[in-house]
Every structure is written in C-alpha cells, then in structure tokens.
Amino acid sequence: MQTSEGLKIQKILDVKIIENNEPAIEIKETEKIKLLKGHKFLHPFLRKTVAEMLVKAASNLPVGHTFLVVTCYRSFDMQKEMYWNRKKQLAKKHPFRMIFQYPKWIKMVNTYTSSPGGSSHHTASAIDLTVVDQNGIRLDMGASLTDFGKKVHMENDLITDEHRKNRKVLRDAMTSAGFAYYPLEWWHYCYGDRMWATYNSKKDCFYGPVVLDTSE
C-alpha cells in the first residue's frame, strides 16, 4: 500500500532488475490522450505494456476529460540537462542553503529531479502527465510540473479541496489501470520499474534502463 511519504532511495536501489527486454513503442495521440508537442523533453516512448496501460487509464477518465502527456522516456543526456536546470533553479531559490547547508540543499535537488542514470524515466516505463477538461484547459492541481516543495506532494496542507479533487481524477484513472504514483510528485506514474516494485512491496522488477534511438 502506498503512503504519503517518499521512500528512501536505498530501498528503491535494492530492488533487483530482471529485465524482460520488452520493446518500447511511440505513443500516438488519441481522442483521450494528447501530447505536449514542442516540449523539449517529451520523447513519447513507453514500453509496449505501459503504453497499452495508458490507453486503458485514459478510458477511466470522466467524460470530456483527456490526458496531456508531458514526458515519458528520457535519455541520460536529457536527464543530465534537466538535473542541471533543477540545480540552477534551487540555487537561485535557496542560495544560503546551497553554500552553508549543501548536504540539505543537494538532497532537495535529488528529491525533485533524479541525477543522470537514476531516473525512472530511463526505463521507458514512467510517465509525467496531467488532465485537461472538455474545454482543453488543464485541471488546476495547485502546482505545476516544474514546481518543487511540499505543494507538489500528492498529499499536503497547502492545496485546496478543489486541487485534491483534481489530483484524484488523475490518480484514480492511473492506479485503476495498474500504475503506481510517486507521493512526492503528483504527476509521476510508473509501472514495472524499481519505484513501482518498491511501492508495491516487491523485491524485483522487470524494466531497467534502456537506450532508445528516438531520432526520426
């Protein structure tokens, strides 16, 4: 059973990867699944089973609602750039902590963006997404996908009941299809990787990091 607290990184790393070598496929837009086109880090590739689960999850959404996929697979270089961007963001936001409390500062960085090589997105089995309504407007989740801190946690006391309701729309659709969610990021869902295994009390998983050729 999932909790509202993040699990220790070491617990996730202790999960044994028994790679099943399932191929990754490109996600195609449907009536219920849209892609954030033009987003630098989109790369809409997921393991075949995970892509099929996403279609199933989309069918669980309320009438008129649609998934907006923001990012899926990430290469090492992509994660390296995102990690550097997060470090710059938090250096600007917390300069004192970065200089005088570096261990706490870097822990905060690593909480909200994995270091290169350590992201679930390297496995092509994790996805960041949100929901849009019948008017094409994103549901207000109380925090954006680029935010950090307590307000991006799935459960916290900084968001409104409306935000909780909207997050539940996403969570119910995804978990009903078999995805696990990351308690510290309302938008992150995964299946078959180490994080999924940890939150489902499993000792091994079947998706590990892969290198995909996403060029056209």
Protein backbone atom coordinates (compact mmCIF):
# COMPACT_ATOMS: atom_id res chain seq x y z
CA MET A 1 0.00 0.00 0.00
CA GLN A 2 1.35 3.41 -0.91
CA THR A 3 1.94 6.08 1.69
CA SER A 4 2.08 9.85 1.52
CA GLU A 5 5.79 9.81 2.36
CA GLY A 6 8.60 9.23 -0.10
CA LEU A 7 10.55 6.03 0.28
CA LYS A 8 14.29 6.03 0.89
CA ILE A 9 16.35 5.96 -2.29
CA GLN A 10 18.29 2.97 -1.00
CA LYS A 11 15.10 0.90 -0.79
CA ILE A 12 14.44 1.57 -4.45
CA LEU A 13 18.03 0.74 -5.38
CA ASP A 14 17.78 -2.57 -3.51
CA VAL A 15 15.16 -3.81 -5.97
CA LYS A 16 16.64 -6.38 -8.34
CA ILE A 17 16.11 -5.74 -12.05
CA ILE A 18 15.21 -8.84 -14.09
CA GLU A 19 14.95 -7.18 -17.48
CA ASN A 20 12.33 -8.71 -19.79
CA ASN A 21 13.60 -6.80 -22.85
CA GLU A 22 10.12 -5.68 -23.86
CA PRO A 23 10.36 -3.12 -26.67
CA ALA A 24 9.33 0.50 -26.31
CA ILE A 25 6.84 1.98 -28.75
CA GLU A 26 5.90 5.52 -29.65
CA ILE A 27 2.72 6.87 -28.09
CA LYS A 28 0.19 8.09 -30.61
CA GLU A 29 -2.39 10.74 -29.87
CA THR A 30 -5.99 9.60 -29.49
CA GLU A 31 -9.23 11.27 -28.53
CA LYS A 32 -8.31 10.70 -24.87
CA ILE A 33 -4.52 11.10 -25.00
CA LYS A 34 -2.77 14.28 -26.14
CA LEU A 35 0.95 15.07 -26.23
CA LEU A 36 2.57 18.32 -25.13
CA LYS A 37 4.05 18.89 -28.56
CA GLY A 38 7.02 21.18 -28.76
CA HIS A 39 8.13 20.29 -25.24
CA LYS A 40 11.87 19.67 -25.36
CA PHE A 41 11.76 16.66 -23.05
CA LEU A 42 8.61 14.94 -24.33
CA HIS A 43 10.04 11.92 -26.25
CA PRO A 44 6.75 9.94 -26.16
CA PHE A 45 8.14 6.40 -25.94
CA LEU A 46 7.00 3.78 -23.42
CA ARG A 47 7.34 0.05 -23.03
CA LYS A 48 4.60 -1.66 -25.03
CA THR A 49 2.67 -2.87 -21.98
CA VAL A 50 2.91 0.54 -20.31
CA ALA A 51 1.66 2.27 -23.45
CA GLU A 52 -1.32 -0.09 -23.53
CA MET A 53 -1.98 0.59 -19.85
CA LEU A 54 -2.01 4.32 -20.57
CA VAL A 55 -4.80 3.79 -23.12
CA LYS A 56 -6.72 1.80 -20.51
CA ALA A 57 -6.15 4.53 -17.91
CA ALA A 58 -7.43 7.18 -20.33
CA SER A 59 -10.70 5.26 -20.64
CA ASN A 60 -11.11 5.64 -16.86
CA LEU A 61 -11.23 9.44 -17.09
CA PRO A 62 -14.53 11.30 -16.67
CA VAL A 63 -16.40 12.09 -19.88
CA GLY A 64 -14.82 15.01 -21.70
CA HIS A 65 -11.50 14.76 -19.89
CA THR A 66 -8.20 13.95 -21.59
CA PHE A 67 -4.63 13.10 -20.60
CA LEU A 68 -1.90 15.57 -21.50
CA VAL A 69 1.40 13.69 -21.62
CA VAL A 70 4.36 15.88 -20.73
CA THR A 71 7.30 13.45 -20.68
CA CYS A 72 7.98 9.71 -20.86
CA TYR A 73 11.34 8.23 -21.83
CA ARG A 74 14.47 10.22 -21.05
CA SER A 75 17.98 9.56 -22.24
CA PHE A 76 20.98 10.07 -19.97
CA ASP A 77 21.77 13.37 -21.70
CA MET A 78 18.21 14.61 -21.32
CA GLN A 79 18.24 13.79 -17.61
CA LYS A 80 21.61 15.48 -17.25
CA GLU A 81 20.20 18.70 -18.69
CA MET A 82 17.05 18.53 -16.55
CA TYR A 83 19.15 17.88 -13.44
CA TRP A 84 21.36 20.88 -14.21
CA ASN A 85 18.27 23.05 -14.74
CA ARG A 86 16.87 21.97 -11.37
CA LYS A 87 20.16 22.75 -9.63
CA LYS A 88 20.16 26.24 -11.15
CA GLN A 89 16.54 26.76 -10.08
CA LEU A 90 17.19 25.74 -6.48
CA ALA A 91 20.49 27.62 -6.31
CA LYS A 92 18.61 30.78 -7.19
CA LYS A 93 15.79 29.99 -4.78
CA HIS A 94 17.97 28.84 -1.85
CA PRO A 95 21.48 30.37 -2.24
CA PHE A 96 22.18 30.40 1.51
CA ARG A 97 21.34 26.72 1.89
CA MET A 98 23.42 25.80 -1.16
CA ILE A 99 26.51 27.50 0.29
CA PHE A 100 26.19 26.77 4.00
CA GLN A 101 23.95 23.69 4.09
CA TYR A 102 25.00 21.88 0.93
CA PRO A 103 24.01 18.34 2.05
CA LYS A 104 20.46 19.52 2.72
CA TRP A 105 20.41 21.50 -0.50
CA ILE A 106 21.57 18.66 -2.74
CA LYS A 107 19.12 16.32 -1.03
CA MET A 108 16.35 18.73 -2.00
CA VAL A 109 17.63 18.77 -5.59
CA ASN A 110 17.67 14.97 -5.73
CA THR A 111 14.18 14.75 -4.25
CA TYR A 112 12.61 16.61 -7.14
CA THR A 113 14.89 15.62 -10.03
CA SER A 114 16.90 12.41 -10.19
CA SER A 115 20.54 12.57 -11.09
CA PRO A 116 21.51 11.27 -14.54
CA GLY A 117 21.29 7.49 -14.61
CA GLY A 118 18.94 7.32 -11.65
CA SER A 119 15.61 8.34 -13.15
CA SER A 120 12.64 6.02 -13.63
CA HIS A 121 12.22 7.68 -16.99
CA HIS A 122 15.38 5.92 -18.25
CA THR A 123 13.37 2.67 -18.23
CA ALA A 124 10.67 3.93 -20.63
CA SER A 125 8.11 2.83 -18.06
CA ALA A 126 7.47 6.12 -16.24
CA ILE A 127 5.31 9.00 -17.35
CA ASP A 128 4.62 12.57 -16.25
CA LEU A 129 1.16 13.79 -17.18
CA THR A 130 -1.85 15.86 -16.22
CA VAL A 131 -5.52 16.17 -17.21
CA VAL A 132 -7.37 18.69 -19.35
CA ASP A 133 -11.12 19.28 -19.32
CA GLN A 134 -13.68 19.40 -22.12
CA ASN A 135 -12.60 22.97 -22.91
CA GLY A 136 -8.96 21.99 -23.31
CA ILE A 137 -7.98 23.67 -20.04
CA ARG A 138 -5.64 21.91 -17.63
CA LEU A 139 -7.21 20.96 -14.31
CA ASP A 140 -5.79 23.10 -11.52
CA MET A 141 -3.58 20.78 -9.48
CA GLY A 142 -2.27 23.51 -7.18
CA ALA A 143 1.28 23.28 -8.55
CA SER A 144 2.88 22.97 -11.97
CA LEU A 145 5.15 20.19 -13.15
CA THR A 146 8.17 22.48 -12.80
CA ASP A 147 7.41 23.43 -9.18
CA PHE A 148 9.05 21.84 -6.15
CA GLY A 149 8.50 21.61 -2.42
CA LYS A 150 5.65 20.40 -0.27
CA LYS A 151 2.91 21.69 -2.57
CA VAL A 152 3.85 19.20 -5.30
CA HIS A 153 3.46 16.24 -2.92
CA MET A 154 0.36 14.23 -3.66
CA GLU A 155 -1.00 15.00 -0.19
CA ASN A 156 -0.21 18.22 1.66
CA ASP A 157 -1.88 21.05 3.58
CA LEU A 158 -1.00 23.77 1.07
CA ILE A 159 -3.57 22.87 -1.57
CA THR A 160 -7.34 23.32 -1.68
CA ASP A 161 -10.09 20.72 -1.77
CA GLU A 162 -10.50 21.51 -5.46
CA HIS A 163 -6.83 20.71 -6.07
CA ARG A 164 -7.22 17.41 -4.21
CA LYS A 165 -10.29 16.56 -6.24
CA ASN A 166 -8.46 17.23 -9.49
CA ARG A 167 -5.42 15.21 -8.44
CA LYS A 168 -7.76 12.35 -7.54
CA VAL A 169 -9.18 12.36 -11.07
CA LEU A 170 -5.68 11.66 -12.40
CA ARG A 171 -4.72 9.26 -9.64
CA ASP A 172 -7.87 7.15 -9.86
CA ALA A 173 -7.58 6.80 -13.63
CA MET A 174 -3.92 5.76 -13.49
CA THR A 175 -3.95 3.49 -10.44
CA SER A 176 -7.06 1.69 -11.68
CA ALA A 177 -5.02 0.70 -14.72
CA GLY A 178 -2.16 -0.63 -12.56
CA PHE A 179 0.20 2.33 -12.31
CA ALA A 180 1.94 3.35 -9.09
CA TYR A 181 2.29 7.02 -8.19
CA TYR A 182 5.20 8.84 -6.61
CA PRO A 183 3.97 10.52 -3.39
CA LEU A 184 6.37 13.45 -3.76
CA GLU A 185 5.23 14.41 -7.30
CA TRP A 186 1.53 14.42 -8.14
CA TRP A 187 2.25 13.99 -11.87
CA HIS A 188 4.65 11.00 -11.85
CA TYR A 189 3.37 7.47 -12.52
CA CYS A 190 5.22 4.26 -13.30
CA TYR A 191 4.86 0.54 -13.87
CA GLY A 192 7.33 -2.33 -13.82
CA ASP A 193 10.40 -0.37 -12.68
CA ARG A 194 12.18 -0.19 -9.33
CA MET A 195 9.94 2.55 -7.97
CA TRP A 196 6.80 0.61 -8.89
CA ALA A 197 8.23 -2.51 -7.26
CA THR A 198 9.13 -0.65 -4.07
CA TYR A 199 5.70 0.89 -3.65
CA ASN A 200 4.12 -2.50 -4.25
CA SER A 201 6.42 -4.34 -1.80
CA LYS A 202 8.14 -6.40 -4.50
CA LYS A 203 11.78 -7.45 -4.39
CA ASP A 204 12.36 -7.36 -8.12
CA CYS A 205 11.13 -5.58 -11.22
CA PHE A 206 11.21 -6.28 -14.97
CA TYR A 207 12.09 -2.90 -16.53
CA GLY A 208 15.55 -1.42 -16.24
CA PRO A 209 17.29 1.46 -18.02
CA VAL A 210 17.31 1.27 -21.81
CA VAL A 211 18.92 3.24 -24.60
CA LEU A 212 16.45 4.14 -27.32
CA ASP A 213 17.02 5.69 -30.70
CA THR A 214 14.26 8.29 -30.74
CA SER A 215 15.50 10.09 -33.85
CA GLU A 216 13.23 10.18 -36.84
